Amino acid sequence: MQRPIKNIITIIIAAFCLVGCNNGLSLQRYFVEHQNSKNFLSQDVPLSMLNIDESTLTSEQKEAYHSVERLNFLGYKKDSTQVDVFNSELAKVKSILKDKKYNELIDFNYNGAKVSVKYIGSDEDADEVVIFGSSKEMGFGIVRVLGNDMSPEKMITLGQLFDTSNVDTSQFNNVMNFFK
């Protein structure tokens, strides 16, 4: 009598585990699955690699700088012979970013590319900011900005910091050359 009860309990626990597992594609999973694939470039950049002199920062700039831990980049370079593959990969990323956990921040066009900025979290405390840009001629790129206690105001402050400081952009040469 105890054996069937143990089997039933085991089956119930297994069923809960299987139902609780999300088999949907997440952005993190997409990054991992494609980081070494053909026509893709993956690069992780800790903010410390940008060589920003913190002694020159205001307290607001320091807070914004320390709210970001690292940047993850994944780019797909369009190959004119594999248009179907490009369209398929682009559709996968767009599908992932349609998930309601991503809050829309802004959409705009920049040099012929469509750019979308989204975030996960609340307006005061974002856990992840995603910048997605795509161009029919070049391909697409995704930047995941990961950190703690990020907010749109801090991201604006950080963007202004990059514009006004002498940031070592050599860390991004691979990314810039990838799309050429």
N, C-alpha and C. Protein backbone atom coordinates (compact mmCIF):
# COMPACT_ATOMS: atom_id res chain seq x y z
N MET A 1 0.82 -1.20 0.00
CA MET A 1 0.00 0.00 0.00
C MET A 1 0.87 1.26 0.00
N GLN A 2 2.00 1.25 0.72
CA GLN A 2 2.83 2.45 0.77
C GLN A 2 3.54 2.71 -0.56
N ARG A 3 3.86 1.67 -1.27
CA ARG A 3 4.57 1.82 -2.55
C ARG A 3 3.74 2.63 -3.55
N PRO A 4 2.44 2.33 -3.75
CA PRO A 4 1.65 3.13 -4.69
C PRO A 4 1.54 4.60 -4.26
N ILE A 5 1.49 4.85 -2.98
CA ILE A 5 1.41 6.23 -2.49
C ILE A 5 2.71 6.97 -2.80
N LYS A 6 3.84 6.32 -2.60
CA LYS A 6 5.12 6.94 -2.94
C LYS A 6 5.20 7.22 -4.44
N ASN A 7 4.73 6.28 -5.25
CA ASN A 7 4.75 6.48 -6.70
C ASN A 7 3.86 7.65 -7.11
N ILE A 8 2.70 7.75 -6.52
CA ILE A 8 1.79 8.85 -6.84
C ILE A 8 2.41 10.18 -6.43
N ILE A 9 3.00 10.24 -5.25
CA ILE A 9 3.65 11.48 -4.79
C ILE A 9 4.80 11.85 -5.72
N THR A 10 5.58 10.86 -6.13
CA THR A 10 6.69 11.11 -7.06
C THR A 10 6.18 11.64 -8.38
N ILE A 11 5.11 11.07 -8.90
CA ILE A 11 4.53 11.53 -10.17
C ILE A 11 4.01 12.96 -10.04
N ILE A 12 3.36 13.27 -8.93
CA ILE A 12 2.83 14.62 -8.71
C ILE A 12 3.97 15.64 -8.64
N ILE A 13 5.02 15.32 -7.92
CA ILE A 13 6.17 16.22 -7.82
C ILE A 13 6.82 16.41 -9.19
N ALA A 14 6.98 15.33 -9.94
CA ALA A 14 7.56 15.42 -11.28
C ALA A 14 6.69 16.28 -12.19
N ALA A 15 5.37 16.13 -12.08
CA ALA A 15 4.45 16.92 -12.91
C ALA A 15 4.57 18.40 -12.59
N PHE A 16 4.65 18.74 -11.30
CA PHE A 16 4.81 20.14 -10.92
C PHE A 16 6.12 20.71 -11.44
N CYS A 17 7.18 19.92 -11.38
CA CYS A 17 8.48 20.38 -11.89
C CYS A 17 8.42 20.63 -13.39
N LEU A 18 7.79 19.73 -14.12
CA LEU A 18 7.70 19.88 -15.57
C LEU A 18 6.82 21.06 -15.96
N VAL A 19 5.71 21.25 -15.26
CA VAL A 19 4.84 22.37 -15.55
C VAL A 19 5.52 23.68 -15.17
N GLY A 20 6.29 23.68 -14.10
CA GLY A 20 6.95 24.90 -13.63
C GLY A 20 8.11 25.31 -14.50
N CYS A 21 8.68 24.40 -15.27
CA CYS A 21 9.82 24.75 -16.13
C CYS A 21 9.30 25.51 -17.33
N ASN A 22 9.96 26.60 -17.65
CA ASN A 22 9.59 27.42 -18.80
C ASN A 22 10.45 27.01 -19.99
N ASN A 23 9.84 26.40 -20.98
CA ASN A 23 10.57 25.98 -22.16
C ASN A 23 10.63 27.08 -23.21
N GLY A 24 10.03 28.24 -22.93
CA GLY A 24 10.08 29.34 -23.87
C GLY A 24 11.50 29.90 -23.96
N LEU A 25 11.76 30.52 -25.08
CA LEU A 25 13.08 31.08 -25.32
C LEU A 25 13.20 32.42 -24.62
N SER A 26 14.22 32.57 -23.79
CA SER A 26 14.48 33.84 -23.13
C SER A 26 15.63 34.52 -23.85
N LEU A 27 15.82 35.79 -23.58
CA LEU A 27 16.91 36.52 -24.21
C LEU A 27 18.26 35.97 -23.76
N GLN A 28 18.37 35.64 -22.49
CA GLN A 28 19.62 35.06 -21.98
C GLN A 28 19.91 33.73 -22.68
N ARG A 29 18.90 32.91 -22.81
CA ARG A 29 19.08 31.62 -23.48
C ARG A 29 19.45 31.81 -24.95
N TYR A 30 18.83 32.80 -25.59
CA TYR A 30 19.15 33.10 -26.99
C TYR A 30 20.62 33.50 -27.12
N PHE A 31 21.11 34.32 -26.20
CA PHE A 31 22.52 34.72 -26.20
C PHE A 31 23.42 33.50 -26.09
N VAL A 32 23.13 32.63 -25.13
CA VAL A 32 23.97 31.45 -24.90
C VAL A 32 23.95 30.52 -26.11
N GLU A 33 22.79 30.30 -26.68
CA GLU A 33 22.67 29.37 -27.81
C GLU A 33 23.34 29.88 -29.08
N HIS A 34 23.51 31.21 -29.21
CA HIS A 34 24.02 31.76 -30.45
C HIS A 34 25.41 32.40 -30.33
N GLN A 35 26.01 32.38 -29.15
CA GLN A 35 27.28 33.08 -28.96
C GLN A 35 28.41 32.57 -29.84
N ASN A 36 28.37 31.31 -30.25
CA ASN A 36 29.43 30.75 -31.10
C ASN A 36 28.91 30.34 -32.47
N SER A 37 27.73 30.81 -32.83
CA SER A 37 27.13 30.43 -34.11
C SER A 37 27.67 31.28 -35.25
N LYS A 38 27.55 30.73 -36.45
CA LYS A 38 27.99 31.42 -37.66
C LYS A 38 27.22 32.74 -37.81
N ASN A 39 27.91 33.76 -38.24
CA ASN A 39 27.38 35.11 -38.47
C ASN A 39 27.01 35.85 -37.19
N PHE A 40 27.33 35.29 -36.02
CA PHE A 40 27.07 35.96 -34.75
C PHE A 40 28.37 36.40 -34.10
N LEU A 41 28.32 37.49 -33.38
CA LEU A 41 29.44 37.94 -32.55
C LEU A 41 28.89 38.19 -31.15
N SER A 42 29.57 37.65 -30.17
CA SER A 42 29.16 37.82 -28.78
C SER A 42 30.32 38.44 -28.02
N GLN A 43 30.01 39.45 -27.19
CA GLN A 43 31.06 40.09 -26.40
C GLN A 43 30.47 40.57 -25.08
N ASP A 44 31.15 40.23 -23.99
CA ASP A 44 30.79 40.72 -22.66
C ASP A 44 31.76 41.81 -22.28
N VAL A 45 31.22 42.92 -21.78
CA VAL A 45 32.06 44.05 -21.40
C VAL A 45 31.71 44.49 -19.99
N PRO A 46 32.60 44.20 -19.01
CA PRO A 46 32.37 44.77 -17.69
C PRO A 46 32.63 46.27 -17.77
N LEU A 47 31.87 47.05 -17.04
CA LEU A 47 32.01 48.51 -17.11
C LEU A 47 33.41 48.96 -16.72
N SER A 48 34.08 48.19 -15.89
CA SER A 48 35.43 48.57 -15.46
C SER A 48 36.41 48.62 -16.64
N MET A 49 36.10 47.90 -17.73
CA MET A 49 36.99 47.90 -18.90
C MET A 49 36.96 49.23 -19.65
N LEU A 50 36.01 50.09 -19.33
CA LEU A 50 35.92 51.37 -20.03
C LEU A 50 36.90 52.40 -19.50
N ASN A 51 37.59 52.08 -18.41
CA ASN A 51 38.62 52.95 -17.84
C ASN A 51 38.13 54.36 -17.54
N ILE A 52 37.03 54.45 -16.84
CA ILE A 52 36.50 55.75 -16.44
C ILE A 52 37.14 56.14 -15.13
N ASP A 53 37.66 57.35 -15.05
CA ASP A 53 38.29 57.87 -13.84
C ASP A 53 37.20 58.31 -12.88
N GLU A 54 36.94 57.47 -11.87
CA GLU A 54 35.84 57.74 -10.94
C GLU A 54 36.08 58.98 -10.07
N SER A 55 37.32 59.38 -9.91
CA SER A 55 37.61 60.54 -9.06
C SER A 55 37.04 61.83 -9.65
N THR A 56 36.74 61.84 -10.94
CA THR A 56 36.20 63.04 -11.58
C THR A 56 34.67 63.04 -11.65
N LEU A 57 34.05 61.99 -11.13
CA LEU A 57 32.60 61.87 -11.24
C LEU A 57 31.88 62.53 -10.08
N THR A 58 30.69 63.06 -10.38
CA THR A 58 29.83 63.58 -9.32
C THR A 58 29.20 62.38 -8.61
N SER A 59 28.58 62.62 -7.46
CA SER A 59 27.95 61.51 -6.73
C SER A 59 26.82 60.89 -7.56
N GLU A 60 26.10 61.70 -8.31
CA GLU A 60 25.03 61.19 -9.17
C GLU A 60 25.60 60.30 -10.28
N GLN A 61 26.72 60.72 -10.87
CA GLN A 61 27.37 59.94 -11.92
C GLN A 61 27.94 58.64 -11.35
N LYS A 62 28.51 58.70 -10.15
CA LYS A 62 29.04 57.48 -9.52
C LYS A 62 27.91 56.48 -9.25
N GLU A 63 26.78 56.97 -8.77
CA GLU A 63 25.65 56.10 -8.49
C GLU A 63 25.16 55.43 -9.78
N ALA A 64 25.08 56.19 -10.85
CA ALA A 64 24.66 55.63 -12.14
C ALA A 64 25.69 54.62 -12.65
N TYR A 65 26.96 54.95 -12.53
CA TYR A 65 28.05 54.09 -12.99
C TYR A 65 28.06 52.76 -12.23
N HIS A 66 27.85 52.82 -10.93
CA HIS A 66 27.88 51.61 -10.10
C HIS A 66 26.58 50.79 -10.17
N SER A 67 25.53 51.36 -10.76
CA SER A 67 24.29 50.60 -10.90
C SER A 67 24.39 49.58 -12.04
N VAL A 68 25.36 49.78 -12.93
CA VAL A 68 25.55 48.87 -14.06
C VAL A 68 26.73 47.96 -13.77
N GLU A 69 26.53 46.66 -13.96
CA GLU A 69 27.61 45.69 -13.72
C GLU A 69 28.34 45.34 -15.00
N ARG A 70 27.58 45.06 -16.06
CA ARG A 70 28.25 44.70 -17.32
C ARG A 70 27.29 44.85 -18.49
N LEU A 71 27.87 44.82 -19.66
CA LEU A 71 27.13 44.88 -20.91
C LEU A 71 27.37 43.58 -21.67
N ASN A 72 26.32 42.99 -22.20
CA ASN A 72 26.44 41.81 -23.06
C ASN A 72 25.97 42.23 -24.45
N PHE A 73 26.79 41.91 -25.45
CA PHE A 73 26.42 42.24 -26.83
C PHE A 73 26.32 40.95 -27.63
N LEU A 74 25.30 40.87 -28.46
CA LEU A 74 25.17 39.78 -29.42
C LEU A 74 24.72 40.42 -30.73
N GLY A 75 25.50 40.20 -31.77
CA GLY A 75 25.17 40.76 -33.07
C GLY A 75 25.07 39.68 -34.12
N TYR A 76 24.22 39.92 -35.10
CA TYR A 76 24.08 39.02 -36.23
C TYR A 76 24.38 39.83 -37.48
N LYS A 77 25.39 39.39 -38.23
CA LYS A 77 25.75 40.07 -39.47
C LYS A 77 25.01 39.40 -40.61
N LYS A 78 24.24 40.20 -41.34
CA LYS A 78 23.43 39.66 -42.42
C LYS A 78 24.33 39.21 -43.56
N ASP A 79 24.04 38.03 -44.05
CA ASP A 79 24.73 37.44 -45.19
C ASP A 79 23.72 37.43 -46.34
N SER A 80 24.06 38.06 -47.44
CA SER A 80 23.10 38.20 -48.55
C SER A 80 22.66 36.86 -49.12
N THR A 81 23.41 35.80 -48.85
CA THR A 81 23.03 34.49 -49.37
C THR A 81 22.09 33.74 -48.42
N GLN A 82 21.92 34.26 -47.21
CA GLN A 82 21.08 33.57 -46.22
C GLN A 82 20.02 34.51 -45.64
N VAL A 83 19.24 35.10 -46.52
CA VAL A 83 18.21 36.05 -46.11
C VAL A 83 17.17 35.38 -45.22
N ASP A 84 16.82 34.13 -45.54
CA ASP A 84 15.82 33.41 -44.74
C ASP A 84 16.30 33.19 -43.31
N VAL A 85 17.59 32.89 -43.14
CA VAL A 85 18.15 32.69 -41.80
C VAL A 85 18.07 34.01 -41.02
N PHE A 86 18.45 35.11 -41.68
CA PHE A 86 18.38 36.43 -41.04
C PHE A 86 16.95 36.72 -40.59
N ASN A 87 15.99 36.54 -41.49
CA ASN A 87 14.59 36.83 -41.15
C ASN A 87 14.10 35.95 -40.01
N SER A 88 14.52 34.69 -39.98
CA SER A 88 14.13 33.77 -38.92
C SER A 88 14.70 34.21 -37.57
N GLU A 89 15.99 34.55 -37.56
CA GLU A 89 16.63 34.98 -36.31
C GLU A 89 16.05 36.30 -35.82
N LEU A 90 15.79 37.21 -36.75
CA LEU A 90 15.19 38.50 -36.39
C LEU A 90 13.81 38.29 -35.78
N ALA A 91 13.03 37.39 -36.36
CA ALA A 91 11.69 37.09 -35.84
C ALA A 91 11.77 36.49 -34.44
N LYS A 92 12.76 35.63 -34.18
CA LYS A 92 12.93 35.03 -32.85
C LYS A 92 13.18 36.12 -31.80
N VAL A 93 14.10 37.04 -32.12
CA VAL A 93 14.44 38.09 -31.16
C VAL A 93 13.23 39.00 -30.92
N LYS A 94 12.55 39.38 -31.99
CA LYS A 94 11.36 40.23 -31.84
C LYS A 94 10.30 39.54 -30.99
N SER A 95 10.16 38.23 -31.17
CA SER A 95 9.19 37.47 -30.39
C SER A 95 9.55 37.48 -28.91
N ILE A 96 10.82 37.30 -28.62
CA ILE A 96 11.28 37.33 -27.22
C ILE A 96 10.99 38.69 -26.61
N LEU A 97 11.29 39.76 -27.35
CA LEU A 97 11.14 41.11 -26.81
C LEU A 97 9.68 41.57 -26.73
N LYS A 98 8.75 40.80 -27.32
CA LYS A 98 7.33 41.11 -27.19
C LYS A 98 6.76 40.64 -25.87
N ASP A 99 7.52 39.83 -25.14
CA ASP A 99 7.06 39.34 -23.84
C ASP A 99 6.68 40.53 -22.96
N LYS A 100 5.59 40.39 -22.23
CA LYS A 100 5.10 41.52 -21.43
C LYS A 100 6.01 41.89 -20.27
N LYS A 101 7.04 41.06 -19.97
CA LYS A 101 7.97 41.44 -18.91
C LYS A 101 8.88 42.59 -19.34
N TYR A 102 8.96 42.82 -20.67
CA TYR A 102 9.78 43.92 -21.19
C TYR A 102 8.92 45.18 -21.32
N ASN A 103 9.30 46.20 -20.59
CA ASN A 103 8.62 47.48 -20.64
C ASN A 103 9.25 48.34 -21.73
N GLU A 104 8.42 48.95 -22.54
CA GLU A 104 8.87 49.79 -23.64
C GLU A 104 9.37 51.13 -23.08
N LEU A 105 10.57 51.52 -23.46
CA LEU A 105 11.09 52.83 -23.06
C LEU A 105 11.03 53.78 -24.24
N ILE A 106 11.61 53.38 -25.38
CA ILE A 106 11.61 54.25 -26.55
C ILE A 106 11.91 53.44 -27.81
N ASP A 107 11.35 53.87 -28.92
CA ASP A 107 11.65 53.33 -30.24
C ASP A 107 12.04 54.52 -31.12
N PHE A 108 13.07 54.34 -31.94
CA PHE A 108 13.46 55.40 -32.86
C PHE A 108 14.27 54.82 -34.01
N ASN A 109 14.47 55.63 -35.04
CA ASN A 109 15.31 55.26 -36.17
C ASN A 109 16.63 56.00 -36.06
N TYR A 110 17.72 55.29 -36.36
CA TYR A 110 19.05 55.89 -36.27
C TYR A 110 19.89 55.37 -37.43
N ASN A 111 20.27 56.25 -38.33
CA ASN A 111 21.10 55.90 -39.49
C ASN A 111 20.54 54.69 -40.26
N GLY A 112 19.25 54.67 -40.49
CA GLY A 112 18.63 53.60 -41.25
C GLY A 112 18.32 52.34 -40.45
N ALA A 113 18.61 52.35 -39.17
CA ALA A 113 18.32 51.19 -38.32
C ALA A 113 17.15 51.51 -37.39
N LYS A 114 16.36 50.50 -37.12
CA LYS A 114 15.29 50.64 -36.13
C LYS A 114 15.87 50.25 -34.78
N VAL A 115 15.67 51.11 -33.79
CA VAL A 115 16.23 50.87 -32.46
C VAL A 115 15.09 50.89 -31.44
N SER A 116 15.15 49.92 -30.55
CA SER A 116 14.15 49.81 -29.49
C SER A 116 14.88 49.65 -28.16
N VAL A 117 14.44 50.39 -27.15
CA VAL A 117 15.00 50.29 -25.81
C VAL A 117 13.90 49.83 -24.88
N LYS A 118 14.16 48.72 -24.18
CA LYS A 118 13.19 48.14 -23.26
C LYS A 118 13.90 47.84 -21.94
N TYR A 119 13.11 47.59 -20.91
CA TYR A 119 13.69 47.24 -19.62
C TYR A 119 12.80 46.27 -18.88
N ILE A 120 13.44 45.54 -17.95
CA ILE A 120 12.72 44.63 -17.07
C ILE A 120 12.79 45.24 -15.67
N GLY A 121 11.66 45.34 -15.01
CA GLY A 121 11.62 45.92 -13.67
C GLY A 121 10.61 47.05 -13.64
N SER A 122 10.79 47.92 -12.67
CA SER A 122 9.90 49.08 -12.53
C SER A 122 10.62 50.33 -13.03
N ASP A 123 9.88 51.44 -13.07
CA ASP A 123 10.47 52.70 -13.53
C ASP A 123 11.59 53.17 -12.60
N GLU A 124 11.51 52.80 -11.33
CA GLU A 124 12.52 53.23 -10.37
C GLU A 124 13.65 52.24 -10.20
N ASP A 125 13.41 50.98 -10.57
CA ASP A 125 14.41 49.94 -10.30
C ASP A 125 14.40 48.89 -11.41
N ALA A 126 15.20 49.13 -12.45
CA ALA A 126 15.28 48.18 -13.56
C ALA A 126 16.41 47.20 -13.30
N ASP A 127 16.16 45.92 -13.60
CA ASP A 127 17.18 44.89 -13.44
C ASP A 127 17.98 44.70 -14.73
N GLU A 128 17.36 45.01 -15.84
CA GLU A 128 18.00 44.81 -17.13
C GLU A 128 17.44 45.83 -18.12
N VAL A 129 18.33 46.41 -18.91
CA VAL A 129 17.93 47.30 -19.99
C VAL A 129 18.40 46.63 -21.28
N VAL A 130 17.52 46.58 -22.27
CA VAL A 130 17.84 45.93 -23.53
C VAL A 130 17.75 46.96 -24.65
N ILE A 131 18.82 47.06 -25.42
CA ILE A 131 18.86 47.93 -26.58
C ILE A 131 18.95 47.02 -27.80
N PHE A 132 17.96 47.10 -28.66
CA PHE A 132 17.88 46.24 -29.84
C PHE A 132 17.82 47.10 -31.08
N GLY A 133 18.75 46.88 -31.99
CA GLY A 133 18.76 47.61 -33.25
C GLY A 133 18.85 46.64 -34.40
N SER A 134 18.11 46.95 -35.48
CA SER A 134 18.16 46.08 -36.66
C SER A 134 18.15 46.91 -37.93
N SER A 135 18.86 46.40 -38.90
CA SER A 135 18.96 47.03 -40.21
C SER A 135 18.86 45.93 -41.26
N LYS A 136 18.03 46.12 -42.27
CA LYS A 136 17.88 45.11 -43.32
C LYS A 136 19.18 44.92 -44.10
N GLU A 137 20.03 45.92 -44.11
CA GLU A 137 21.28 45.84 -44.86
C GLU A 137 22.40 45.17 -44.06
N MET A 138 22.48 45.46 -42.77
CA MET A 138 23.63 45.01 -41.97
C MET A 138 23.35 43.83 -41.06
N GLY A 139 22.17 43.75 -40.48
CA GLY A 139 21.86 42.70 -39.51
C GLY A 139 21.21 43.30 -38.29
N PHE A 140 21.46 42.69 -37.13
CA PHE A 140 20.91 43.24 -35.90
C PHE A 140 21.89 43.06 -34.75
N GLY A 141 21.67 43.85 -33.72
CA GLY A 141 22.49 43.77 -32.52
C GLY A 141 21.62 43.96 -31.29
N ILE A 142 22.01 43.28 -30.23
CA ILE A 142 21.30 43.37 -28.96
C ILE A 142 22.32 43.66 -27.88
N VAL A 143 22.05 44.66 -27.06
CA VAL A 143 22.90 44.95 -25.91
C VAL A 143 22.05 44.76 -24.67
N ARG A 144 22.51 43.89 -23.79
CA ARG A 144 21.86 43.72 -22.49
C ARG A 144 22.70 44.47 -21.47
N VAL A 145 22.09 45.44 -20.81
CA VAL A 145 22.75 46.19 -19.75
C VAL A 145 22.25 45.59 -18.45
N LEU A 146 23.16 44.96 -17.71
CA LEU A 146 22.78 44.25 -16.49
C LEU A 146 23.33 44.99 -15.28
N GLY A 147 22.53 45.06 -14.23
CA GLY A 147 22.98 45.74 -13.03
C GLY A 147 21.95 45.68 -11.93
N ASN A 148 22.10 46.56 -10.96
CA ASN A 148 21.20 46.65 -9.82
C ASN A 148 20.76 48.09 -9.63
N ASP A 149 19.51 48.26 -9.26
CA ASP A 149 18.96 49.59 -8.97
C ASP A 149 19.16 50.57 -10.12
N MET A 150 19.05 50.07 -11.36
CA MET A 150 19.14 50.97 -12.50
C MET A 150 17.79 51.66 -12.68
N SER A 151 17.81 52.83 -13.24
CA SER A 151 16.58 53.55 -13.55
C SER A 151 16.81 54.33 -14.85
N PRO A 152 15.73 54.74 -15.51
CA PRO A 152 15.92 55.54 -16.73
C PRO A 152 16.77 56.79 -16.49
N GLU A 153 16.58 57.44 -15.34
CA GLU A 153 17.36 58.64 -15.04
C GLU A 153 18.85 58.31 -14.94
N LYS A 154 19.16 57.18 -14.30
CA LYS A 154 20.57 56.78 -14.18
C LYS A 154 21.16 56.43 -15.54
N MET A 155 20.35 55.83 -16.41
CA MET A 155 20.85 55.48 -17.75
C MET A 155 21.12 56.74 -18.56
N ILE A 156 20.28 57.75 -18.39
CA ILE A 156 20.52 59.03 -19.07
C ILE A 156 21.79 59.66 -18.54
N THR A 157 21.97 59.65 -17.23
CA THR A 157 23.19 60.18 -16.62
C THR A 157 24.41 59.44 -17.14
N LEU A 158 24.31 58.13 -17.23
CA LEU A 158 25.42 57.32 -17.72
C LEU A 158 25.71 57.64 -19.18
N GLY A 159 24.67 57.80 -19.98
CA GLY A 159 24.86 58.17 -21.39
C GLY A 159 25.56 59.50 -21.53
N GLN A 160 25.18 60.47 -20.70
CA GLN A 160 25.84 61.78 -20.72
C GLN A 160 27.29 61.65 -20.27
N LEU A 161 27.55 60.77 -19.32
CA LEU A 161 28.91 60.53 -18.85
C LEU A 161 29.78 60.00 -19.99
N PHE A 162 29.24 59.07 -20.76
CA PHE A 162 30.00 58.53 -21.90
C PHE A 162 30.27 59.59 -22.95
N ASP A 163 29.31 60.50 -23.12
CA ASP A 163 29.49 61.57 -24.11
C ASP A 163 30.57 62.57 -23.70
N THR A 164 30.68 62.83 -22.40
CA THR A 164 31.58 63.89 -21.93
C THR A 164 32.93 63.40 -21.43
N SER A 165 33.08 62.10 -21.18
CA SER A 165 34.35 61.62 -20.66
C SER A 165 35.18 60.96 -21.74
N ASN A 166 36.40 60.68 -21.41
CA ASN A 166 37.36 60.09 -22.34
C ASN A 166 37.32 58.58 -22.20
N VAL A 167 36.23 57.97 -22.59
CA VAL A 167 36.04 56.53 -22.44
C VAL A 167 36.89 55.80 -23.48
N ASP A 168 37.55 54.73 -23.06
CA ASP A 168 38.34 53.90 -23.97
C ASP A 168 37.39 53.03 -24.78
N THR A 169 37.13 53.44 -26.01
CA THR A 169 36.18 52.72 -26.86
C THR A 169 36.83 51.58 -27.62
N SER A 170 38.11 51.32 -27.40
CA SER A 170 38.78 50.23 -28.11
C SER A 170 38.15 48.87 -27.77
N GLN A 171 37.46 48.79 -26.63
CA GLN A 171 36.80 47.55 -26.25
C GLN A 171 35.68 47.18 -27.23
N PHE A 172 35.21 48.19 -27.97
CA PHE A 172 34.10 47.97 -28.88
C PHE A 172 34.53 47.86 -30.34
N ASN A 173 35.83 47.84 -30.60
CA ASN A 173 36.31 47.75 -31.98
C ASN A 173 35.81 46.50 -32.67
N ASN A 174 35.80 45.36 -31.98
CA ASN A 174 35.29 44.12 -32.59
C ASN A 174 33.84 44.29 -33.03
N VAL A 175 33.05 44.94 -32.19
CA VAL A 175 31.64 45.13 -32.50
C VAL A 175 31.48 46.06 -33.70
N MET A 176 32.21 47.16 -33.71
CA MET A 176 32.09 48.13 -34.80
C MET A 176 32.58 47.52 -36.13
N ASN A 177 33.65 46.78 -36.08
CA ASN A 177 34.20 46.18 -37.30
C ASN A 177 33.37 45.01 -37.79
N PHE A 178 32.63 44.38 -36.90
CA PHE A 178 31.82 43.22 -37.24
C PHE A 178 30.79 43.54 -38.34
N PHE A 179 30.19 44.71 -38.26
CA PHE A 179 29.12 45.05 -39.20
C PHE A 179 29.63 45.70 -40.49
N LYS A 180 30.93 45.90 -40.61
CA LYS A 180 31.48 46.51 -41.83
C LYS A 180 31.60 45.53 -42.94
